[in-house]
Protein backbone atom coordinates (compact mmCIF):
# COMPACT_ATOMS: atom_id res chain seq x y z
CA MET A 1 21.04 -142.10 157.26
CA ARG A 2 23.91 -143.60 159.25
CA LYS A 3 27.46 -142.42 158.73
CA THR A 4 30.63 -143.55 160.50
CA TYR A 5 33.42 -141.16 161.50
CA LYS A 6 36.77 -142.70 162.35
CA TYR A 7 39.42 -140.87 164.39
CA LYS A 8 42.84 -141.88 165.64
CA LEU A 9 43.38 -142.14 169.41
CA PHE A 10 46.64 -141.41 171.23
CA PRO A 11 46.45 -143.32 174.53
CA THR A 12 49.17 -143.14 177.15
CA GLY A 13 51.00 -146.33 178.12
CA LYS A 14 48.64 -146.84 181.08
CA GLN A 15 45.55 -146.20 178.94
CA ARG A 16 46.81 -148.56 176.23
CA LYS A 17 47.07 -151.29 178.86
CA ALA A 18 43.53 -150.52 180.11
CA LEU A 19 42.20 -150.65 176.54
CA ARG A 20 43.72 -154.10 176.10
CA PHE A 21 42.13 -155.27 179.38
CA SER A 22 38.69 -154.02 178.24
CA LEU A 23 39.09 -155.65 174.84
CA ASP A 24 40.18 -158.94 176.37
CA ALA A 25 37.22 -158.94 178.80
CA CYS A 26 34.82 -158.51 175.86
CA ARG A 27 36.60 -161.26 173.94
CA TRP A 28 36.25 -163.58 176.95
CA VAL A 29 32.48 -162.93 177.11
CA TYR A 30 32.19 -163.49 173.34
CA ASN A 31 33.90 -166.88 173.56
CA LYS A 32 32.02 -167.87 176.74
CA THR A 33 28.67 -166.95 175.15
CA LEU A 34 29.45 -168.91 172.00
CA GLU A 35 30.52 -171.90 174.14
CA ALA A 36 27.30 -171.74 176.19
CA ARG A 37 25.06 -171.65 173.14
CA LYS A 38 27.06 -174.37 171.37
CA ASN A 39 26.97 -176.69 174.41
CA ALA A 40 23.26 -176.07 175.01
CA TRP A 41 22.45 -177.26 171.52
CA GLU A 42 24.91 -180.18 171.38
CA LYS A 43 24.05 -181.57 174.83
CA ARG A 44 20.36 -180.68 175.29
CA LYS A 45 19.16 -179.60 171.84
CA ALA A 46 18.21 -176.33 173.53
CA SER A 47 18.46 -173.00 171.75
CA LEU A 48 19.58 -170.13 173.97
CA SER A 49 18.46 -166.63 173.06
CA LEU A 50 20.32 -163.37 173.57
CA TYR A 51 18.07 -162.71 176.57
CA ASP A 52 19.00 -166.10 178.07
CA THR A 53 22.73 -165.54 177.79
CA SER A 54 22.53 -161.98 179.18
CA LYS A 55 21.55 -163.52 182.53
CA PHE A 56 24.94 -165.28 182.70
CA ILE A 57 27.01 -162.09 182.92
CA PRO A 58 26.59 -161.50 186.72
CA GLN A 59 27.65 -165.10 187.35
CA TRP A 60 30.62 -164.78 184.98
CA LYS A 61 31.74 -161.61 186.74
CA GLU A 62 32.05 -163.62 189.95
CA GLU A 63 33.92 -166.34 188.09
CA ASN A 64 36.25 -163.93 186.28
CA PRO A 65 37.01 -160.66 188.16
CA ASN A 66 38.77 -159.31 185.04
CA LEU A 67 35.36 -158.60 183.50
CA SER A 68 35.19 -155.54 185.75
CA ASN A 69 37.78 -154.01 183.39
CA ALA A 70 35.06 -153.50 180.75
CA PHE A 71 31.90 -151.38 180.74
CA SER A 72 28.79 -153.55 181.23
CA GLN A 73 27.16 -152.52 177.93
CA CYS A 74 30.35 -153.46 176.05
CA LEU A 75 30.06 -156.99 177.50
CA GLN A 76 26.41 -157.11 176.42
CA ASN A 77 27.42 -155.99 172.94
CA ALA A 78 29.88 -158.91 172.74
CA GLN A 79 26.91 -161.22 173.32
CA GLN A 80 24.95 -159.42 170.61
CA ARG A 81 27.80 -160.12 168.19
CA VAL A 82 27.49 -163.84 168.92
CA ASP A 83 23.73 -163.64 168.39
CA LEU A 84 24.16 -161.89 165.02
CA ALA A 85 26.87 -164.35 163.95
CA LEU A 86 24.61 -167.33 164.70
CA LYS A 87 21.64 -165.75 162.92
CA ALA A 88 23.84 -165.21 159.87
CA PHE A 89 25.00 -168.84 160.12
CA PHE A 90 21.44 -170.18 160.11
CA ARG A 91 20.49 -167.84 157.26
CA ARG A 92 23.34 -169.27 155.15
CA VAL A 93 22.30 -172.83 156.05
CA LYS A 94 18.72 -172.10 154.99
CA ALA A 95 19.91 -170.52 151.73
CA GLY A 96 22.08 -173.54 150.92
CA GLU A 97 25.30 -171.53 151.10
CA LYS A 98 28.56 -172.55 152.74
CA PRO A 99 27.51 -171.92 156.37
CA GLY A 100 30.78 -171.31 158.25
CA TYR A 101 29.96 -171.76 161.94
CA PRO A 102 31.13 -168.84 164.14
CA ARG A 103 34.64 -169.36 165.49
CA PHE A 104 36.10 -168.75 168.91
CA ARG A 105 38.28 -165.66 168.89
CA SER A 106 41.94 -165.58 169.82
CA PHE A 107 43.70 -162.40 170.96
CA ASP A 108 44.55 -161.29 167.41
CA ARG A 109 41.11 -162.09 166.01
CA TYR A 110 39.05 -159.84 168.29
CA ASP A 111 39.92 -156.20 167.69
CA SER A 112 37.08 -153.95 168.88
CA PHE A 113 34.49 -153.28 171.57
CA THR A 114 31.38 -151.11 171.30
CA PHE A 115 29.54 -148.71 173.58
CA PRO A 116 25.92 -148.96 172.31
CA GLN A 117 24.53 -145.98 174.23
CA PHE A 118 26.53 -144.79 177.24
CA GLY A 119 30.01 -145.04 178.70
CA PHE A 120 31.72 -142.47 176.44
CA GLU A 121 31.71 -138.70 176.14
CA MET A 122 33.45 -136.11 173.98
CA THR A 123 35.15 -133.53 176.19
CA GLY A 124 37.17 -130.41 175.50
CA ASN A 125 40.46 -132.28 175.59
CA GLY A 126 39.61 -135.73 174.25
CA LEU A 127 37.34 -138.76 174.41
CA LYS A 128 36.33 -139.86 177.90
CA ILE A 129 35.79 -143.64 178.06
CA SER A 130 34.44 -145.58 181.01
CA LYS A 131 37.11 -147.70 182.75
CA ILE A 132 39.85 -146.00 180.69
CA GLY A 133 39.80 -142.24 181.25
CA THR A 134 40.14 -139.32 178.82
CA ILE A 135 42.17 -140.23 175.73
CA LYS A 136 43.66 -137.71 173.33
CA ILE A 137 41.86 -137.88 169.97
CA LYS A 138 42.71 -136.33 166.59
CA LEU A 139 39.51 -134.81 165.16
CA HIS A 140 40.75 -134.34 161.60
CA ARG A 141 37.19 -133.54 160.47
CA LYS A 142 34.06 -132.30 162.19
CA LEU A 143 31.87 -134.91 163.89
CA LEU A 144 28.32 -134.37 162.59
CA GLY A 145 24.90 -135.75 163.50
CA GLU A 146 23.63 -137.60 166.54
CA ILE A 147 26.08 -140.17 167.91
CA LYS A 148 24.44 -143.58 168.25
CA THR A 149 27.37 -145.86 169.08
CA CYS A 150 31.10 -145.61 169.71
CA THR A 151 33.39 -148.48 168.76
CA ILE A 152 36.98 -148.58 169.99
CA GLN A 153 39.12 -150.45 167.47
CA ARG A 154 42.66 -151.80 167.59
CA SER A 155 44.60 -152.26 164.34
CA SER A 156 46.98 -155.14 163.65
CA THR A 157 49.84 -152.70 164.28
CA ASP A 158 48.46 -151.80 167.73
CA LYS A 159 47.06 -148.40 166.72
CA TRP A 160 43.78 -147.39 168.35
CA TYR A 161 40.78 -145.68 166.75
CA ALA A 162 37.36 -144.40 167.78
CA CYS A 163 34.56 -145.06 165.29
CA PHE A 164 31.35 -143.07 165.84
CA SER A 165 28.18 -144.25 164.12
CA CYS A 166 26.02 -141.15 163.69
CA GLU A 167 22.54 -140.42 162.44
CA VAL A 168 23.00 -137.60 159.93
CA LYS A 169 20.73 -135.74 157.55
CA PRO A 170 21.56 -136.26 153.87
CA LYS A 171 22.93 -133.22 152.03
CA PRO A 172 21.85 -133.64 148.40
CA LEU A 173 24.08 -132.14 145.74
CA ARG A 174 22.67 -130.07 142.90
CA LYS A 175 21.14 -132.42 140.31
CA VAL A 176 23.07 -132.99 137.11
CA LYS A 177 22.16 -134.64 133.82
CA LYS A 178 25.23 -136.85 133.50
CA VAL A 179 24.88 -140.62 133.94
CA VAL A 180 27.49 -143.35 133.68
CA GLY A 181 27.84 -147.12 133.38
CA ILE A 182 30.96 -148.67 134.92
CA ASP A 183 32.56 -151.96 133.91
CA MET A 184 34.96 -153.17 136.60
CA GLY A 185 38.04 -155.00 135.36
CA LEU A 186 41.56 -156.21 136.11
CA GLU A 187 43.52 -154.84 133.16
CA SER A 188 41.92 -151.44 133.84
CA PHE A 189 40.35 -150.81 137.22
CA ALA A 190 37.21 -149.45 135.53
CA THR A 191 35.99 -148.54 132.06
CA LEU A 192 33.27 -145.90 131.83
CA SER A 193 30.49 -145.61 129.28
CA THR A 194 32.09 -142.30 128.32
CA GLY A 195 35.08 -144.28 127.01
CA GLU A 196 37.36 -143.20 129.84
CA LYS A 197 39.53 -145.83 131.50
CA ILE A 198 40.72 -145.76 135.12
CA GLU A 199 44.09 -147.43 135.46
CA ASN A 200 44.49 -150.32 137.89
CA PRO A 201 46.83 -149.06 140.67
CA ARG A 202 47.84 -152.64 141.66
CA PHE A 203 48.75 -151.69 145.22
CA PHE A 204 49.53 -155.23 146.37
CA LYS A 205 51.61 -156.08 143.32
CA THR A 206 53.71 -152.93 143.81
CA ASP A 207 54.83 -154.06 147.27
CA GLU A 208 54.62 -157.82 146.69
CA ALA A 209 58.41 -158.33 146.49
CA LYS A 210 58.91 -156.37 149.72
CA LEU A 211 56.12 -158.35 151.39
CA LYS A 212 57.64 -161.68 150.34
CA LYS A 213 60.95 -160.61 151.83
CA VAL A 214 59.54 -159.72 155.26
CA GLN A 215 57.28 -162.81 155.26
CA SER A 216 60.30 -164.99 154.53
CA LYS A 217 62.11 -163.49 157.54
CA LEU A 218 59.01 -164.09 159.66
CA SER A 219 58.81 -167.76 158.68
CA LYS A 220 62.50 -168.26 159.56
CA ALA A 221 62.28 -166.53 162.94
CA GLU A 222 62.04 -168.82 165.95
CA LYS A 223 58.68 -168.97 167.67
CA GLU A 224 58.04 -167.04 170.88
CA THR A 225 61.09 -164.81 170.40
CA PRO A 226 61.39 -160.99 170.24
CA ASN A 227 62.68 -161.30 166.67
CA ARG A 228 59.55 -163.15 165.54
CA LYS A 229 57.35 -160.47 167.11
CA LYS A 230 59.41 -157.80 165.35
CA GLN A 231 59.04 -159.51 161.96
CA ARG A 232 55.31 -160.07 162.51
CA ASN A 233 54.91 -156.34 163.17
CA LYS A 234 56.78 -155.54 159.95
CA VAL A 235 54.40 -157.76 157.96
CA SER A 236 51.37 -156.16 159.64
CA ARG A 237 52.63 -152.63 158.97
CA LEU A 238 53.20 -153.40 155.30
CA HIS A 239 49.72 -154.93 154.91
CA GLU A 240 48.27 -151.89 156.69
CA LYS A 241 50.13 -149.54 154.34
CA ILE A 242 48.78 -151.38 151.27
CA GLY A 243 45.26 -151.38 152.69
CA ASN A 244 45.39 -147.66 153.49
CA ARG A 245 46.55 -146.76 149.97
CA ARG A 246 43.81 -148.91 148.46
CA LYS A 247 41.17 -147.34 150.71
CA ASP A 248 42.38 -143.80 149.93
CA PHE A 249 42.14 -144.52 146.20
CA ALA A 250 38.59 -145.90 146.54
CA HIS A 251 37.44 -142.94 148.66
CA LYS A 252 38.81 -140.31 146.27
CA LEU A 253 37.56 -141.99 143.09
CA SER A 254 34.09 -142.70 144.49
CA ARG A 255 33.79 -139.04 145.56
CA GLN A 256 34.68 -137.89 142.04
CA PHE A 257 31.99 -140.10 140.51
CA VAL A 258 29.31 -139.07 143.00
CA ASN A 259 30.07 -135.38 142.45
CA LYS A 260 30.00 -135.75 138.65
CA TYR A 261 27.14 -138.19 137.88
CA GLN A 262 23.47 -138.31 138.84
CA VAL A 263 23.09 -142.04 138.07
CA ILE A 264 25.88 -144.59 138.42
CA ALA A 265 25.30 -148.13 137.10
CA PHE A 266 27.35 -151.17 138.15
CA GLU A 267 27.16 -154.87 137.41
CA LYS A 268 25.89 -156.93 140.34
CA LEU A 269 29.04 -159.02 140.73
CA ASN A 270 29.38 -162.04 143.01
CA ILE A 271 32.95 -161.20 143.93
CA LYS A 272 33.24 -163.92 146.58
CA GLU A 273 32.29 -166.61 144.05
CA MET A 274 34.65 -165.15 141.44
CA ARG A 275 37.55 -165.39 143.89
CA GLU A 276 36.68 -168.94 144.93
CA ASN A 277 36.33 -170.21 141.34
CA GLY A 278 39.28 -168.36 139.80
CA PHE A 279 42.84 -169.66 139.65
CA LYS A 280 45.47 -168.31 142.04
CA GLY A 281 46.59 -165.33 139.93
CA ILE A 282 43.03 -164.19 139.30
CA ARG A 283 42.09 -164.56 143.00
CA LYS A 284 45.05 -162.42 144.02
CA SER A 285 44.29 -159.77 141.39
CA ILE A 286 40.61 -159.57 142.36
CA GLY A 287 41.58 -159.17 146.00
CA ASP A 288 44.10 -156.45 145.13
CA VAL A 289 41.71 -154.43 142.97
CA ALA A 290 39.05 -154.37 145.74
CA TRP A 291 35.97 -153.78 143.55
CA ASN A 292 33.60 -154.37 146.45
CA GLN A 293 35.21 -151.68 148.61
CA PHE A 294 34.96 -149.12 145.81
CA ILE A 295 31.32 -150.00 145.09
CA GLN A 296 30.42 -149.77 148.80
CA PHE A 297 32.07 -146.35 149.13
CA THR A 298 30.29 -145.09 146.01
CA THR A 299 26.93 -146.40 147.23
CA TYR A 300 26.96 -144.77 150.66
CA LYS A 301 28.34 -141.47 149.30
CA ALA A 302 25.60 -141.45 146.64
CA GLU A 303 22.93 -141.99 149.29
CA GLY A 304 23.99 -138.90 151.20
CA ALA A 305 24.38 -136.80 148.03
CA GLY A 306 21.00 -137.61 146.50
CA ARG A 307 22.54 -139.63 143.68
CA THR A 308 21.34 -143.01 142.43
CA VAL A 309 23.40 -146.20 142.26
CA VAL A 310 21.80 -149.03 140.32
CA PHE A 311 22.97 -152.64 139.89
CA VAL A 312 22.29 -154.72 136.78
CA ASP A 313 22.53 -158.39 135.88
CA PRO A 314 26.02 -158.97 134.42
CA HIS A 315 24.76 -161.78 132.11
CA ASN A 316 25.92 -161.13 128.52
CA THR A 317 26.97 -157.51 129.13
CA SER A 318 30.34 -158.29 127.49
CA LYS A 319 28.86 -160.29 124.60
CA MET A 320 25.91 -158.07 123.68
CA CYS A 321 26.47 -155.41 121.06
CA SER A 322 25.62 -152.03 122.56
CA ARG A 323 24.35 -150.82 119.15
CA CYS A 324 22.18 -153.65 117.79
CA GLY A 325 21.81 -156.10 120.69
CA GLN A 326 23.36 -159.06 118.86
CA LEU A 327 25.39 -161.50 120.97
CA VAL A 328 29.02 -161.66 119.83
CA GLU A 329 31.01 -164.57 121.25
CA LYS A 330 34.44 -163.64 122.59
CA LYS A 331 37.34 -165.29 124.33
CA LEU A 332 38.71 -163.67 127.45
CA SER A 333 41.78 -162.69 125.44
CA ASP A 334 39.65 -160.83 122.84
CA ARG A 335 39.85 -157.19 123.92
CA THR A 336 37.91 -155.70 120.98
CA HIS A 337 34.18 -155.94 120.29
CA SER A 338 33.51 -156.33 116.58
CA CYS A 339 29.89 -156.79 115.44
CA SER A 340 28.35 -157.49 112.02
CA CYS A 341 26.41 -154.22 112.38
CA GLY A 342 29.71 -152.41 111.94
CA LEU A 343 30.37 -151.44 115.54
CA VAL A 344 34.01 -151.87 116.55
CA LEU A 345 35.18 -150.63 119.95
CA ASP A 346 36.95 -151.67 123.12
CA ARG A 347 35.35 -154.73 124.74
CA ASP A 348 35.05 -153.10 128.18
CA HIS A 349 33.66 -149.86 126.72
CA ASN A 350 30.97 -151.89 124.96
CA ALA A 351 30.14 -153.64 128.26
CA SER A 352 29.91 -150.33 130.14
CA LEU A 353 27.44 -148.99 127.53
CA ASN A 354 25.28 -152.09 128.07
CA ILE A 355 25.50 -151.64 131.85
CA LEU A 356 24.34 -148.03 131.53
CA ARG A 357 21.44 -148.96 129.23
CA LEU A 358 20.26 -151.76 131.53
CA GLY A 359 20.58 -149.47 134.54
CA MET A 360 18.49 -146.72 132.99
CA GLU A 361 15.89 -149.27 131.83
CA SER A 362 15.56 -150.67 135.37
CA LEU A 363 15.06 -147.17 136.77
CA ALA A 364 12.36 -146.46 134.17
CA LEU A 365 10.51 -149.62 135.25
CA ALA A 366 10.82 -148.85 138.97
């Protein structure tokens, strides 16, 4: 299985400048490749492949000497990103979804470059990167497995990270008999089939007033001035802080569940559609709670630990009585499930019991 290890880099001022040059060279190739493929179709109805566009790089290097600032395979990877983005676009068109044609990337919308095979090496005193040199790296945990790719990433606050995608062998945990169904919510982050509720930390809401204050100062600052740049950095740092707290919460909670339960059942939620169709307050709350991030973390941790994550159809999980199967109509404001069979319990607890039952049934049929 693939696992990604992320470590913070501590480049010198000169190395930071070289990293920016490499990143900008890759961004230039990305935009140039997208332009070439777009023009080929619009003007000649010709479809260029990844192989076709790879032939342009030598010519572009003559046109733009700055491309020598980046490792050749990093430039090729930028073209692969365009190819993947266009394939995803055509897949969405075919599926009848909102397609969203790939966009050209500005400086602040292109934040990483990847070494697919070569051009990087772990040394005794840091990470040696082609065109950059040896950068100090903080290995806060052991790097395991066979390294397949190395991605150098810049955050919105101008911090730099190395992300290693490694092929690792799963390390299954000892099997346990406990299973759980999880109902994701807004009032409570999650309600378990055991009856336990996980409180919603509401990370964004906690710092919303502070964020509004710094965003207000940003909007009032004059464009292209040092003050505007300063305020923009403050906004970015605050968003980064909120995101880091949210990610830390999801990592720790998902690890607890994977360690404790053999089977974990979730509803198969279309979170993107829920955010698009909900009103403003709901959209903001769904974004803040970050269900998808938590589910993704739980899924990949379960894969490595020999646990099973199963997804069930969410249709009627809130209405169906977990004891007798009867559908009980409820308003969104009704927080208690009360059935004619005599079962009375928390609405979300009832849903989590249905999720668990459906999950176990699907595994039995598999």
